[in-house]
Amino acid sequence: MKTVVTTTSKDKQTGFTLIEIIIVVSLMVVVYGVIAPQVSRITGSRAPSLLARLGGDVRAAYDMAVLHNKNFRLVFDLGSHTYWLEELNDSQFYLKSPDAEPSQFEEALAEGDADEAFEDWFATIEEQAGESFKDPANDDEIPPTSPVLEAKIKLKELELPNWQMVTNLEWDVRDFNPTLLFMGVQTENSADYHSLETLGEKRKVFIHFFPNGYVERAYLHIGYNDGSDKLDAEQKPYTLITVPNRGVANLEVGKLEYKLNDR
């Protein structure tokens, strides 16, 4: 007589064997090895388009300065890694180094009482010019005069430049996050290299464009963002170099040093 052996669910094997676990882990490693580089390429694929757009923006700002007979500047925020275009309605202005101490007028501009500050300052100029006197022939009051007093309006334009952001369908704030970041810049207007570390809270640097068909020479260094707003040291940075009389920007691989006499 044969004995029939039956099995219950408790006798069945549950879970995976060691060999099955090894196979699954191996497959996961292979899949990750294929996908990871693709993800990296997708993440970095924005870099060429961002850099190309920046180069185009340099040329566009140059053309706008000539066509509109105005001064323009590209403003780079080294803290947020964004940039935008600003225009100046006044005909002249002083170029100042980004690390220069703010004047009393710049501080007044920030506080919203620049006009009052200028009038107070100019009142001392008028006082130093002397008192008015009467014309002995007809007793008319003759005020004091000088080239400085006659140039009051021009002086005000120089001391209180009214930069305004260009806002239209073609221009908005350009954002390099999270792919790239601005490392720093050096221009012919300043002998020092300006980075977030040297500027501190100021953060902003500028490249200026002039109506006579000239952009100041600048070396702008751009690096890859490691995902935490820090420079990815494993990838080579770029140097964007403006060409003054041509209004174009050349892009070079690596962090190139500023050369004043480059053409």
C-alpha atoms as a PDB file:
ATOM      1  CA  MET A   1       0.000   0.000   0.000  1.00  0.00           C
ATOM      2  CA  LYS A   2       1.395   3.312  -1.034  1.00  0.00           C
ATOM      3  CA  THR A   3       1.538   6.220   1.325  1.00  0.00           C
ATOM      4  CA  VAL A   4       0.402   9.545  -0.090  1.00  0.00           C
ATOM      5  CA  VAL A   5       2.242  12.539   1.304  1.00  0.00           C
ATOM      6  CA  THR A   6       0.488  15.879   1.147  1.00  0.00           C
ATOM      7  CA  THR A   7       2.006  19.296   1.744  1.00  0.00           C
ATOM      8  CA  THR A   8       0.415  22.288   3.331  1.00  0.00           C
ATOM      9  CA  SER A   9       1.052  25.970   2.578  1.00  0.00           C
ATOM     10  CA  LYS A  10       3.334  26.124   5.583  1.00  0.00           C
ATOM     11  CA  ASP A  11       5.668  23.637   3.956  1.00  0.00           C
ATOM     12  CA  LYS A  12       6.068  25.737   0.777  1.00  0.00           C
ATOM     13  CA  GLN A  13       9.218  27.879   0.367  1.00  0.00           C
ATOM     14  CA  THR A  14       8.717  31.587   0.868  1.00  0.00           C
ATOM     15  CA  GLY A  15      10.962  34.576  -0.109  1.00  0.00           C
ATOM     16  CA  PHE A  16      13.933  34.546  -2.475  1.00  0.00           C
ATOM     17  CA  THR A  17      16.930  32.308  -2.549  1.00  0.00           C
ATOM     18  CA  LEU A  18      20.415  33.804  -2.312  1.00  0.00           C
ATOM     19  CA  ILE A  19      20.968  33.206  -6.028  1.00  0.00           C
ATOM     20  CA  GLU A  20      17.769  35.091  -6.924  1.00  0.00           C
ATOM     21  CA  ILE A  21      18.789  38.053  -4.760  1.00  0.00           C
ATOM     22  CA  ILE A  22      22.208  38.186  -6.423  1.00  0.00           C
ATOM     23  CA  ILE A  23      20.563  38.145  -9.873  1.00  0.00           C
ATOM     24  CA  VAL A  24      18.164  40.986  -8.966  1.00  0.00           C
ATOM     25  CA  VAL A  25      20.941  43.145  -7.502  1.00  0.00           C
ATOM     26  CA  SER A  26      23.103  42.535 -10.560  1.00  0.00           C
ATOM     27  CA  LEU A  27      20.276  43.603 -12.863  1.00  0.00           C
ATOM     28  CA  MET A  28      19.743  46.770 -10.824  1.00  0.00           C
ATOM     29  CA  VAL A  29      23.438  47.626 -11.098  1.00  0.00           C
ATOM     30  CA  VAL A  30      23.368  47.111 -14.869  1.00  0.00           C
ATOM     31  CA  VAL A  31      20.217  49.229 -15.301  1.00  0.00           C
ATOM     32  CA  TYR A  32      21.629  52.050 -13.141  1.00  0.00           C
ATOM     33  CA  GLY A  33      24.850  51.962 -15.142  1.00  0.00           C
ATOM     34  CA  VAL A  34      22.849  52.538 -18.320  1.00  0.00           C
ATOM     35  CA  ILE A  35      20.399  55.153 -16.973  1.00  0.00           C
ATOM     36  CA  ALA A  36      22.739  57.291 -14.831  1.00  0.00           C
ATOM     37  CA  PRO A  37      24.833  58.621 -17.749  1.00  0.00           C
ATOM     38  CA  GLN A  38      21.642  59.411 -19.664  1.00  0.00           C
ATOM     39  CA  VAL A  39      20.274  61.380 -16.709  1.00  0.00           C
ATOM     40  CA  SER A  40      23.573  63.218 -16.471  1.00  0.00           C
ATOM     41  CA  ARG A  41      23.413  64.120 -20.157  1.00  0.00           C
ATOM     42  CA  ILE A  42      19.828  65.329 -19.816  1.00  0.00           C
ATOM     43  CA  THR A  43      20.748  67.506 -16.823  1.00  0.00           C
ATOM     44  CA  GLY A  44      23.766  69.001 -18.563  1.00  0.00           C
ATOM     45  CA  SER A  45      22.044  69.388 -21.906  1.00  0.00           C
ATOM     46  CA  ARG A  46      20.736  72.828 -20.870  1.00  0.00           C
ATOM     47  CA  ALA A  47      24.272  74.195 -20.605  1.00  0.00           C
ATOM     48  CA  PRO A  48      24.891  74.706 -24.360  1.00  0.00           C
ATOM     49  CA  SER A  49      21.538  76.437 -24.860  1.00  0.00           C
ATOM     50  CA  LEU A  50      22.052  78.677 -21.802  1.00  0.00           C
ATOM     51  CA  LEU A  51      25.532  79.682 -22.950  1.00  0.00           C
ATOM     52  CA  ALA A  52      24.361  80.254 -26.517  1.00  0.00           C
ATOM     53  CA  ARG A  53      21.562  82.462 -25.252  1.00  0.00           C
ATOM     54  CA  LEU A  54      23.987  84.511 -23.155  1.00  0.00           C
ATOM     55  CA  GLY A  55      26.212  85.032 -26.183  1.00  0.00           C
ATOM     56  CA  GLY A  56      23.187  86.161 -28.165  1.00  0.00           C
ATOM     57  CA  ASP A  57      22.150  88.513 -25.363  1.00  0.00           C
ATOM     58  CA  VAL A  58      25.565  90.195 -25.451  1.00  0.00           C
ATOM     59  CA  ARG A  59      25.166  90.922 -29.147  1.00  0.00           C
ATOM     60  CA  ALA A  60      21.544  92.029 -28.697  1.00  0.00           C
ATOM     61  CA  ALA A  61      22.514  94.494 -25.938  1.00  0.00           C
ATOM     62  CA  TYR A  62      25.287  95.861 -28.141  1.00  0.00           C
ATOM     63  CA  ASP A  63      22.862  96.392 -31.041  1.00  0.00           C
ATOM     64  CA  MET A  64      20.254  98.011 -28.793  1.00  0.00           C
ATOM     65  CA  ALA A  65      22.794 100.512 -27.453  1.00  0.00           C
ATOM     66  CA  VAL A  66      23.639 101.600 -31.002  1.00  0.00           C
ATOM     67  CA  LEU A  67      20.110 101.567 -32.413  1.00  0.00           C
ATOM     68  CA  HIS A  68      18.505 103.371 -29.467  1.00  0.00           C
ATOM     69  CA  ASN A  69      21.499 105.647 -28.790  1.00  0.00           C
ATOM     70  CA  LYS A  70      21.416 104.684 -25.109  1.00  0.00           C
ATOM     71  CA  ASN A  71      23.658 103.143 -22.505  1.00  0.00           C
ATOM     72  CA  PHE A  72      22.781  99.588 -21.517  1.00  0.00           C
ATOM     73  CA  ARG A  73      24.239  97.096 -19.067  1.00  0.00           C
ATOM     74  CA  LEU A  74      23.874  93.404 -18.376  1.00  0.00           C
ATOM     75  CA  VAL A  75      23.484  92.835 -14.630  1.00  0.00           C
ATOM     76  CA  PHE A  76      24.753  89.528 -13.237  1.00  0.00           C
ATOM     77  CA  ASP A  77      23.593  88.461  -9.789  1.00  0.00           C
ATOM     78  CA  LEU A  78      26.318  86.158  -8.483  1.00  0.00           C
ATOM     79  CA  GLY A  79      24.079  85.028  -5.628  1.00  0.00           C
ATOM     80  CA  SER A  80      21.040  83.866  -7.588  1.00  0.00           C
ATOM     81  CA  HIS A  81      22.928  83.085 -10.840  1.00  0.00           C
ATOM     82  CA  THR A  82      20.505  85.181 -12.852  1.00  0.00           C
ATOM     83  CA  TYR A  83      21.021  88.128 -15.199  1.00  0.00           C
ATOM     84  CA  TRP A  84      18.984  90.799 -16.925  1.00  0.00           C
ATOM     85  CA  LEU A  85      19.303  93.932 -19.073  1.00  0.00           C
ATOM     86  CA  GLU A  86      19.033  97.525 -17.843  1.00  0.00           C
ATOM     87  CA  GLU A  87      18.924 100.803 -19.770  1.00  0.00           C
ATOM     88  CA  LEU A  88      19.904 104.342 -18.830  1.00  0.00           C
ATOM     89  CA  ASN A  89      17.815 107.250 -20.083  1.00  0.00           C
ATOM     90  CA  ASP A  90      20.523 109.778 -19.190  1.00  0.00           C
ATOM     91  CA  SER A  91      23.197 110.449 -21.775  1.00  0.00           C
ATOM     92  CA  GLN A  92      26.249 110.127 -19.521  1.00  0.00           C
ATOM     93  CA  PHE A  93      27.312 108.349 -16.369  1.00  0.00           C
ATOM     94  CA  TYR A  94      30.388 107.434 -14.371  1.00  0.00           C
ATOM     95  CA  LEU A  95      31.678 103.882 -14.489  1.00  0.00           C
ATOM     96  CA  LYS A  96      32.472 102.688 -11.000  1.00  0.00           C
ATOM     97  CA  SER A  97      34.166  99.538  -9.799  1.00  0.00           C
ATOM     98  CA  PRO A  98      31.711  97.063  -8.196  1.00  0.00           C
ATOM     99  CA  ASP A  99      33.716  97.075  -4.957  1.00  0.00           C
ATOM    100  CA  ALA A 100      33.789 100.881  -4.676  1.00  0.00           C
ATOM    101  CA  GLU A 101      32.170 102.397  -1.614  1.00  0.00           C
ATOM    102  CA  PRO A 102      28.682 103.773  -2.402  1.00  0.00           C
ATOM    103  CA  SER A 103      28.425 107.549  -2.679  1.00  0.00           C
ATOM    104  CA  GLN A 104      25.948 109.575  -0.647  1.00  0.00           C
ATOM    105  CA  PHE A 105      23.762 109.721  -3.749  1.00  0.00           C
ATOM    106  CA  GLU A 106      23.762 105.960  -4.262  1.00  0.00           C
ATOM    107  CA  GLU A 107      22.752 105.479  -0.657  1.00  0.00           C
ATOM    108  CA  ALA A 108      20.037 108.099  -1.117  1.00  0.00           C
ATOM    109  CA  LEU A 109      18.816 106.304  -4.242  1.00  0.00           C
ATOM    110  CA  ALA A 110      18.472 103.087  -2.267  1.00  0.00           C
ATOM    111  CA  GLU A 111      16.493 104.923   0.411  1.00  0.00           C
ATOM    112  CA  GLY A 112      14.260 106.738  -2.088  1.00  0.00           C
ATOM    113  CA  ASP A 113      15.272 110.332  -1.307  1.00  0.00           C
ATOM    114  CA  ALA A 114      17.945 110.930  -3.959  1.00  0.00           C
ATOM    115  CA  ASP A 115      16.427 114.174  -5.287  1.00  0.00           C
ATOM    116  CA  GLU A 116      16.401 115.728  -1.828  1.00  0.00           C
ATOM    117  CA  ALA A 117      19.978 114.622  -1.204  1.00  0.00           C
ATOM    118  CA  PHE A 118      21.126 116.195  -4.460  1.00  0.00           C
ATOM    119  CA  GLU A 119      19.355 119.494  -3.780  1.00  0.00           C
ATOM    120  CA  ASP A 120      20.937 119.682  -0.317  1.00  0.00           C
ATOM    121  CA  TRP A 121      24.368 118.995  -1.801  1.00  0.00           C
ATOM    122  CA  PHE A 122      23.939 121.524  -4.608  1.00  0.00           C
ATOM    123  CA  ALA A 123      22.761 124.185  -2.132  1.00  0.00           C
ATOM    124  CA  THR A 124      26.278 124.185  -0.675  1.00  0.00           C
ATOM    125  CA  ILE A 125      27.686 124.708  -4.203  1.00  0.00           C
ATOM    126  CA  GLU A 126      25.391 127.707  -4.710  1.00  0.00           C
ATOM    127  CA  GLU A 127      26.394 129.128  -1.345  1.00  0.00           C
ATOM    128  CA  GLN A 128      30.073 128.844  -2.196  1.00  0.00           C
ATOM    129  CA  ALA A 129      29.472 130.694  -5.471  1.00  0.00           C
ATOM    130  CA  GLY A 130      28.879 133.907  -3.514  1.00  0.00           C
ATOM    131  CA  GLU A 131      26.032 136.361  -3.090  1.00  0.00           C
ATOM    132  CA  SER A 132      24.042 138.070  -5.810  1.00  0.00           C
ATOM    133  CA  PHE A 133      24.560 141.793  -6.477  1.00  0.00           C
ATOM    134  CA  LYS A 134      22.640 144.641  -8.024  1.00  0.00           C
ATOM    135  CA  ASP A 135      23.287 146.105 -11.429  1.00  0.00           C
ATOM    136  CA  PRO A 136      24.175 149.765 -10.737  1.00  0.00           C
ATOM    137  CA  ALA A 137      22.510 150.836 -13.963  1.00  0.00           C
ATOM    138  CA  ASN A 138      19.007 149.522 -13.241  1.00  0.00           C
ATOM    139  CA  ASP A 139      19.166 147.898  -9.791  1.00  0.00           C
ATOM    140  CA  ASP A 140      18.408 144.463 -11.276  1.00  0.00           C
ATOM    141  CA  GLU A 141      19.434 141.509  -9.097  1.00  0.00           C
ATOM    142  CA  ILE A 142      22.291 139.583 -10.730  1.00  0.00           C
ATOM    143  CA  PRO A 143      22.812 136.074  -9.303  1.00  0.00           C
ATOM    144  CA  PRO A 144      26.295 134.556  -9.127  1.00  0.00           C
ATOM    145  CA  THR A 145      27.209 132.253 -11.979  1.00  0.00           C
ATOM    146  CA  SER A 146      29.823 129.632 -12.747  1.00  0.00           C
ATOM    147  CA  PRO A 147      30.222 126.636 -15.082  1.00  0.00           C
ATOM    148  CA  VAL A 148      29.244 124.365 -12.176  1.00  0.00           C
ATOM    149  CA  LEU A 149      26.006 126.242 -11.483  1.00  0.00           C
ATOM    150  CA  GLU A 150      25.121 126.289 -15.175  1.00  0.00           C
ATOM    151  CA  ALA A 151      25.671 122.544 -15.416  1.00  0.00           C
ATOM    152  CA  LYS A 152      23.304 121.642 -12.585  1.00  0.00           C
ATOM    153  CA  ILE A 153      21.068 119.384 -14.688  1.00  0.00           C
ATOM    154  CA  LYS A 154      24.004 117.522 -16.213  1.00  0.00           C
ATOM    155  CA  LEU A 155      25.578 117.098 -12.801  1.00  0.00           C
ATOM    156  CA  LYS A 156      22.372 115.604 -11.493  1.00  0.00           C
ATOM    157  CA  GLU A 157      22.255 113.110 -14.352  1.00  0.00           C
ATOM    158  CA  LEU A 158      25.825 112.063 -13.573  1.00  0.00           C
ATOM    159  CA  GLU A 159      25.276 111.740  -9.845  1.00  0.00           C
ATOM    160  CA  LEU A 160      21.845 110.095 -10.005  1.00  0.00           C
ATOM    161  CA  PRO A 161      21.894 107.625 -12.916  1.00  0.00           C
ATOM    162  CA  ASN A 162      18.428 106.205 -13.466  1.00  0.00           C
ATOM    163  CA  TRP A 163      19.014 102.588 -14.533  1.00  0.00           C
ATOM    164  CA  GLN A 164      15.819 100.695 -15.320  1.00  0.00           C
ATOM    165  CA  MET A 165      15.273  97.044 -16.128  1.00  0.00           C
ATOM    166  CA  VAL A 166      14.278  96.360 -19.726  1.00  0.00           C
ATOM    167  CA  THR A 167      10.946  94.561 -19.671  1.00  0.00           C
ATOM    168  CA  ASN A 168       9.389  93.467 -22.934  1.00  0.00           C
ATOM    169  CA  LEU A 169       8.548  90.273 -24.785  1.00  0.00           C
ATOM    170  CA  GLU A 170      12.194  89.701 -25.713  1.00  0.00           C
ATOM    171  CA  TRP A 171      13.779  90.434 -22.350  1.00  0.00           C
ATOM    172  CA  ASP A 172      13.123  88.961 -18.941  1.00  0.00           C
ATOM    173  CA  VAL A 173      15.272  87.665 -16.096  1.00  0.00           C
ATOM    174  CA  ARG A 174      17.498  84.850 -17.382  1.00  0.00           C
ATOM    175  CA  ASP A 175      18.056  82.016 -14.908  1.00  0.00           C
ATOM    176  CA  PHE A 176      21.078  79.700 -15.037  1.00  0.00           C
ATOM    177  CA  ASN A 177      19.811  77.509 -12.177  1.00  0.00           C
ATOM    178  CA  PRO A 178      20.182  74.656 -11.576  1.00  0.00           C
ATOM    179  CA  THR A 179      22.651  73.874 -14.361  1.00  0.00           C
ATOM    180  CA  LEU A 180      25.252  76.661 -14.291  1.00  0.00           C
ATOM    181  CA  LEU A 181      26.478  79.379 -11.967  1.00  0.00           C
ATOM    182  CA  PHE A 182      28.400  82.641 -12.303  1.00  0.00           C
ATOM    183  CA  MET A 183      31.819  82.365 -10.652  1.00  0.00           C
ATOM    184  CA  GLY A 184      33.069  85.916 -11.108  1.00  0.00           C
ATOM    185  CA  VAL A 185      34.048  88.619 -13.586  1.00  0.00           C
ATOM    186  CA  GLN A 186      36.819  91.056 -14.361  1.00  0.00           C
ATOM    187  CA  THR A 187      36.362  94.039 -16.657  1.00  0.00           C
ATOM    188  CA  GLU A 188      38.590  96.739 -18.079  1.00  0.00           C
ATOM    189  CA  ASN A 189      36.889  99.141 -15.686  1.00  0.00           C
ATOM    190  CA  SER A 190      38.353  97.388 -12.644  1.00  0.00           C
ATOM    191  CA  ALA A 191      41.728  95.879 -11.918  1.00  0.00           C
ATOM    192  CA  ASP A 192      40.258  93.479  -9.341  1.00  0.00           C
ATOM    193  CA  TYR A 193      38.520  90.166  -9.868  1.00  0.00           C
ATOM    194  CA  HIS A 194      34.973  90.257  -8.528  1.00  0.00           C
ATOM    195  CA  SER A 195      33.312  87.152  -7.135  1.00  0.00           C
ATOM    196  CA  LEU A 196      30.637  86.452  -4.553  1.00  0.00           C
ATOM    197  CA  GLU A 197      33.387  86.119  -1.947  1.00  0.00           C
ATOM    198  CA  THR A 198      34.902  89.543  -2.684  1.00  0.00           C
ATOM    199  CA  LEU A 199      31.626  91.428  -3.127  1.00  0.00           C
ATOM    200  CA  GLY A 200      29.679  90.035  -0.192  1.00  0.00           C
ATOM    201  CA  GLU A 201      26.154  91.440   0.000  1.00  0.00           C
ATOM    202  CA  LYS A 202      26.545  93.541  -3.175  1.00  0.00           C
ATOM    203  CA  ARG A 203      26.539  90.389  -5.311  1.00  0.00           C
ATOM    204  CA  LYS A 204      25.938  92.194  -8.609  1.00  0.00           C
ATOM    205  CA  VAL A 205      28.449  92.862 -11.393  1.00  0.00           C
ATOM    206  CA  PHE A 206      27.913  94.618 -14.724  1.00  0.00           C
ATOM    207  CA  ILE A 207      28.985  94.616 -18.352  1.00  0.00           C
ATOM    208  CA  HIS A 208      28.296  97.995 -19.990  1.00  0.00           C
ATOM    209  CA  PHE A 209      27.316  98.780 -23.572  1.00  0.00           C
ATOM    210  CA  PHE A 210      27.713 102.245 -25.112  1.00  0.00           C
ATOM    211  CA  PRO A 211      25.915 104.064 -27.969  1.00  0.00           C
ATOM    212  CA  ASN A 212      29.127 104.540 -29.934  1.00  0.00           C
ATOM    213  CA  GLY A 213      29.323 100.804 -30.634  1.00  0.00           C
ATOM    214  CA  TYR A 214      31.467  99.602 -27.762  1.00  0.00           C
ATOM    215  CA  VAL A 215      31.111  97.002 -25.021  1.00  0.00           C
ATOM    216  CA  GLU A 216      33.618  97.018 -22.197  1.00  0.00           C
ATOM    217  CA  ARG A 217      36.014  94.094 -22.295  1.00  0.00           C
ATOM    218  CA  ALA A 218      35.056  91.513 -19.715  1.00  0.00           C
ATOM    219  CA  TYR A 219      36.044  87.999 -18.685  1.00  0.00           C
ATOM    220  CA  LEU A 220      33.011  86.269 -17.163  1.00  0.00           C
ATOM    221  CA  HIS A 221      33.667  82.859 -15.604  1.00  0.00           C
ATOM    222  CA  ILE A 222      30.840  80.308 -15.627  1.00  0.00           C
ATOM    223  CA  GLY A 223      30.903  76.913 -13.939  1.00  0.00           C
ATOM    224  CA  TYR A 224      28.668  73.899 -13.490  1.00  0.00           C
ATOM    225  CA  ASN A 225      26.329  73.810 -10.512  1.00  0.00           C
ATOM    226  CA  ASP A 226      26.783  70.667  -8.392  1.00  0.00           C
ATOM    227  CA  GLY A 227      23.134  70.833  -7.363  1.00  0.00           C
ATOM    228  CA  SER A 228      23.701  72.743  -4.141  1.00  0.00           C
ATOM    229  CA  ASP A 229      24.681  76.138  -5.602  1.00  0.00           C
ATOM    230  CA  LYS A 230      28.355  75.251  -5.403  1.00  0.00           C
ATOM    231  CA  LEU A 231      30.918  74.829  -8.151  1.00  0.00           C
ATOM    232  CA  ASP A 232      31.260  71.333  -9.572  1.00  0.00           C
ATOM    233  CA  ALA A 233      35.039  70.966  -9.520  1.00  0.00           C
ATOM    234  CA  GLU A 234      34.945  67.821 -11.667  1.00  0.00           C
ATOM    235  CA  GLN A 235      33.725  69.706 -14.741  1.00  0.00           C
ATOM    236  CA  LYS A 236      35.679  72.354 -16.579  1.00  0.00           C
ATOM    237  CA  PRO A 237      34.300  75.903 -16.359  1.00  0.00           C
ATOM    238  CA  TYR A 238      33.881  78.340 -19.237  1.00  0.00           C
ATOM    239  CA  THR A 239      35.122  81.870 -19.863  1.00  0.00           C
ATOM    240  CA  LEU A 240      32.921  84.273 -21.798  1.00  0.00           C
ATOM    241  CA  ILE A 241      35.036  87.080 -23.301  1.00  0.00           C
ATOM    242  CA  THR A 242      33.443  90.203 -24.767  1.00  0.00           C
ATOM    243  CA  VAL A 243      35.036  91.777 -27.865  1.00  0.00           C
ATOM    244  CA  PRO A 244      34.714  95.585 -27.443  1.00  0.00           C
ATOM    245  CA  ASN A 245      34.374  96.963 -30.969  1.00  0.00           C
ATOM    246  CA  ARG A 246      32.527  93.990 -32.420  1.00  0.00           C
ATOM    247  CA  GLY A 247      29.936  93.505 -29.708  1.00  0.00           C
ATOM    248  CA  VAL A 248      30.254  89.731 -29.667  1.00  0.00           C
ATOM    249  CA  ALA A 249      31.199  87.227 -26.978  1.00  0.00           C
ATOM    250  CA  ASN A 250      33.682  84.396 -27.435  1.00  0.00           C
ATOM    251  CA  LEU A 251      33.286  81.287 -25.292  1.00  0.00           C
ATOM    252  CA  GLU A 252      36.399  79.419 -24.205  1.00  0.00           C
ATOM    253  CA  VAL A 253      36.772  76.249 -22.144  1.00  0.00           C
ATOM    254  CA  GLY A 254      38.576  76.769 -18.836  1.00  0.00           C
ATOM    255  CA  LYS A 255      39.003  79.691 -16.453  1.00  0.00           C
ATOM    256  CA  LEU A 256      41.102  82.069 -18.535  1.00  0.00           C
ATOM    257  CA  GLU A 257      42.916  85.037 -17.020  1.00  0.00           C
ATOM    258  CA  TYR A 258      41.987  88.578 -17.968  1.00  0.00           C
ATOM    259  CA  LYS A 259      44.191  90.172 -20.616  1.00  0.00           C
ATOM    260  CA  LEU A 260      43.715  93.894 -21.104  1.00  0.00           C
ATOM    261  CA  ASN A 261      45.304  94.011 -24.553  1.00  0.00           C
ATOM    262  CA  ASP A 262      43.423  91.080 -26.068  1.00  0.00           C
ATOM    263  CA  ARG A 263      41.806  91.869 -29.416  1.00  0.00           C
END
